[in-house]
């Protein structure tokens, strides 16, 4: 008789904990207002960075090419132009890669 009471007691406790976790997922799944505000702000910042990074990369690449073209044989200006072109393309690729990774994470989480 004692084992039967213990079994029912453990069963009721286990069942109530299970129901608590199931109903908490259904009933309390909304984010707090501060979290949703911060999430929207970060999404806006991400959009803004993506919109501005393309023209910045284009201008810096073009200025690097022009620096190389109008160096008139100065080796230092040619090296500086090559560095500017290489660094701007690498930076733009890095920004695009970050956007791709964030989109992949967002699709997995959400």
C-alpha atoms as a PDB file:
ATOM      1  CA  UNK A   1       0.000   0.000   0.000  1.00  0.00           C
ATOM      2  CA  UNK A   2       2.858   2.330   0.773  1.00  0.00           C
ATOM      3  CA  UNK A   3       4.460   1.777  -2.659  1.00  0.00           C
ATOM      4  CA  UNK A   4       1.153   2.502  -4.342  1.00  0.00           C
ATOM      5  CA  UNK A   5       0.823   5.863  -2.568  1.00  0.00           C
ATOM      6  CA  UNK A   6       4.403   6.745  -3.435  1.00  0.00           C
ATOM      7  CA  UNK A   7       3.784   5.853  -7.066  1.00  0.00           C
ATOM      8  CA  UNK A   8       0.663   8.038  -7.246  1.00  0.00           C
ATOM      9  CA  UNK A   9       2.410  10.892  -5.478  1.00  0.00           C
ATOM     10  CA  UNK A  10       5.378  10.804  -7.888  1.00  0.00           C
ATOM     11  CA  UNK A  11       3.028  10.440 -10.844  1.00  0.00           C
ATOM     12  CA  UNK A  12       1.019  13.520  -9.808  1.00  0.00           C
ATOM     13  CA  UNK A  13       4.188  15.573  -9.251  1.00  0.00           C
ATOM     14  CA  UNK A  14       5.660  14.500 -12.585  1.00  0.00           C
ATOM     15  CA  UNK A  15       2.375  15.179 -14.377  1.00  0.00           C
ATOM     16  CA  UNK A  16       1.971  18.624 -12.817  1.00  0.00           C
ATOM     17  CA  UNK A  17       5.552  19.606 -13.744  1.00  0.00           C
ATOM     18  CA  UNK A  18       4.973  18.362 -17.284  1.00  0.00           C
ATOM     19  CA  UNK A  19       1.757  20.368 -17.579  1.00  0.00           C
ATOM     20  CA  UNK A  20       3.478  23.439 -16.178  1.00  0.00           C
ATOM     21  CA  UNK A  21       6.137  23.304 -18.890  1.00  0.00           C
ATOM     22  CA  UNK A  22       3.634  22.595 -21.673  1.00  0.00           C
ATOM     23  CA  UNK A  23       1.238  25.379 -20.692  1.00  0.00           C
ATOM     24  CA  UNK A  24       4.010  27.864 -20.042  1.00  0.00           C
ATOM     25  CA  UNK A  25       5.151  27.469 -23.673  1.00  0.00           C
ATOM     26  CA  UNK A  26       1.611  28.060 -24.930  1.00  0.00           C
ATOM     27  CA  UNK A  27       0.518  30.819 -22.608  1.00  0.00           C
ATOM     28  CA  UNK A  28       3.648  32.841 -21.934  1.00  0.00           C
ATOM     29  CA  UNK A  29       5.440  32.860 -25.295  1.00  0.00           C
ATOM     30  CA  UNK A  30       5.423  36.623 -25.925  1.00  0.00           C
ATOM     31  CA  UNK A  31       8.566  38.695 -25.495  1.00  0.00           C
ATOM     32  CA  UNK A  32       8.738  41.548 -23.010  1.00  0.00           C
ATOM     33  CA  UNK A  33       8.280  45.021 -24.466  1.00  0.00           C
ATOM     34  CA  UNK A  34      11.923  46.010 -23.902  1.00  0.00           C
ATOM     35  CA  UNK A  35      13.217  42.919 -25.709  1.00  0.00           C
ATOM     36  CA  UNK A  36      10.969  43.443 -28.715  1.00  0.00           C
ATOM     37  CA  UNK A  37      11.958  47.134 -28.855  1.00  0.00           C
ATOM     38  CA  UNK A  38      15.659  46.254 -28.779  1.00  0.00           C
ATOM     39  CA  UNK A  39      15.144  43.583 -31.427  1.00  0.00           C
ATOM     40  CA  UNK A  40      13.404  46.053 -33.740  1.00  0.00           C
ATOM     41  CA  UNK A  41      16.162  48.612 -33.146  1.00  0.00           C
ATOM     42  CA  UNK A  42      18.887  46.113 -34.042  1.00  0.00           C
ATOM     43  CA  UNK A  43      16.988  45.108 -37.179  1.00  0.00           C
ATOM     44  CA  UNK A  44      16.781  48.772 -38.218  1.00  0.00           C
ATOM     45  CA  UNK A  45      20.503  49.228 -37.577  1.00  0.00           C
ATOM     46  CA  UNK A  46      21.243  46.137 -39.670  1.00  0.00           C
ATOM     47  CA  UNK A  47      19.124  47.480 -42.559  1.00  0.00           C
ATOM     48  CA  UNK A  48      20.830  50.866 -42.315  1.00  0.00           C
ATOM     49  CA  UNK A  49      24.315  49.313 -42.386  1.00  0.00           C
ATOM     50  CA  UNK A  50      23.418  47.211 -45.423  1.00  0.00           C
ATOM     51  CA  UNK A  51      22.029  50.240 -47.273  1.00  0.00           C
ATOM     52  CA  UNK A  52      25.068  52.409 -46.611  1.00  0.00           C
ATOM     53  CA  UNK A  53      27.799  49.796 -47.042  1.00  0.00           C
ATOM     54  CA  UNK A  54      27.318  49.357 -50.795  1.00  0.00           C
ATOM     55  CA  UNK A  55      27.912  53.013 -51.743  1.00  0.00           C
ATOM     56  CA  UNK A  56      30.818  53.272 -49.309  1.00  0.00           C
ATOM     57  CA  UNK A  57      32.478  50.207 -50.820  1.00  0.00           C
ATOM     58  CA  UNK A  58      31.918  51.548 -54.337  1.00  0.00           C
ATOM     59  CA  UNK A  59      33.393  54.959 -53.527  1.00  0.00           C
ATOM     60  CA  UNK A  60      36.433  53.550 -51.748  1.00  0.00           C
ATOM     61  CA  UNK A  61      37.096  51.033 -54.544  1.00  0.00           C
ATOM     62  CA  UNK A  62      36.763  53.725 -57.205  1.00  0.00           C
ATOM     63  CA  UNK A  63      39.062  56.080 -55.304  1.00  0.00           C
ATOM     64  CA  UNK A  64      41.626  53.281 -54.972  1.00  0.00           C
ATOM     65  CA  UNK A  65      41.522  52.600 -58.704  1.00  0.00           C
ATOM     66  CA  UNK A  66      41.799  56.315 -59.471  1.00  0.00           C
ATOM     67  CA  UNK A  67      44.725  56.607 -57.068  1.00  0.00           C
ATOM     68  CA  UNK A  68      46.478  53.803 -58.947  1.00  0.00           C
ATOM     69  CA  UNK A  69      45.623  55.277 -62.345  1.00  0.00           C
ATOM     70  CA  UNK A  70      46.800  58.815 -61.567  1.00  0.00           C
ATOM     71  CA  UNK A  71      49.880  57.916 -59.541  1.00  0.00           C
ATOM     72  CA  UNK A  72      52.199  58.916 -62.411  1.00  0.00           C
ATOM     73  CA  UNK A  73      54.661  56.182 -61.533  1.00  0.00           C
ATOM     74  CA  UNK A  74      54.827  56.850 -57.764  1.00  0.00           C
ATOM     75  CA  UNK A  75      55.169  53.410 -56.176  1.00  0.00           C
ATOM     76  CA  UNK A  76      53.810  54.538 -52.791  1.00  0.00           C
ATOM     77  CA  UNK A  77      50.543  55.783 -54.325  1.00  0.00           C
ATOM     78  CA  UNK A  78      50.185  52.564 -56.323  1.00  0.00           C
ATOM     79  CA  UNK A  79      50.627  50.459 -53.165  1.00  0.00           C
ATOM     80  CA  UNK A  80      48.211  52.677 -51.239  1.00  0.00           C
ATOM     81  CA  UNK A  81      45.623  52.383 -54.035  1.00  0.00           C
ATOM     82  CA  UNK A  82      45.965  48.590 -54.125  1.00  0.00           C
ATOM     83  CA  UNK A  83      45.579  48.399 -50.336  1.00  0.00           C
ATOM     84  CA  UNK A  84      42.510  50.624 -50.484  1.00  0.00           C
ATOM     85  CA  UNK A  85      40.846  48.491 -53.165  1.00  0.00           C
ATOM     86  CA  UNK A  86      41.702  45.223 -51.420  1.00  0.00           C
ATOM     87  CA  UNK A  87      40.592  46.407 -47.977  1.00  0.00           C
ATOM     88  CA  UNK A  88      37.326  47.875 -49.240  1.00  0.00           C
ATOM     89  CA  UNK A  89      36.396  44.675 -51.085  1.00  0.00           C
ATOM     90  CA  UNK A  90      37.320  42.513 -48.097  1.00  0.00           C
ATOM     91  CA  UNK A  91      35.305  44.747 -45.762  1.00  0.00           C
ATOM     92  CA  UNK A  92      32.270  44.656 -48.037  1.00  0.00           C
ATOM     93  CA  UNK A  93      32.512  40.864 -48.335  1.00  0.00           C
ATOM     94  CA  UNK A  94      32.757  40.650 -44.537  1.00  0.00           C
ATOM     95  CA  UNK A  95      29.606  42.764 -44.114  1.00  0.00           C
ATOM     96  CA  UNK A  96      27.730  40.600 -46.635  1.00  0.00           C
ATOM     97  CA  UNK A  97      28.916  37.438 -44.876  1.00  0.00           C
ATOM     98  CA  UNK A  98      27.733  38.750 -41.519  1.00  0.00           C
ATOM     99  CA  UNK A  99      24.333  39.530 -43.038  1.00  0.00           C
ATOM    100  CA  UNK A 100      24.163  36.010 -44.467  1.00  0.00           C
ATOM    101  CA  UNK A 101      25.069  34.431 -41.118  1.00  0.00           C
ATOM    102  CA  UNK A 102      22.515  36.561 -39.245  1.00  0.00           C
ATOM    103  CA  UNK A 103      19.808  35.600 -41.739  1.00  0.00           C
ATOM    104  CA  UNK A 104      20.679  31.917 -41.329  1.00  0.00           C
ATOM    105  CA  UNK A 105      20.598  32.157 -37.536  1.00  0.00           C
ATOM    106  CA  UNK A 106      17.333  34.071 -37.638  1.00  0.00           C
ATOM    107  CA  UNK A 107      15.741  31.408 -39.841  1.00  0.00           C
ATOM    108  CA  UNK A 108      16.916  28.631 -37.519  1.00  0.00           C
ATOM    109  CA  UNK A 109      15.778  30.366 -34.329  1.00  0.00           C
ATOM    110  CA  UNK A 110      12.569  31.958 -35.531  1.00  0.00           C
END
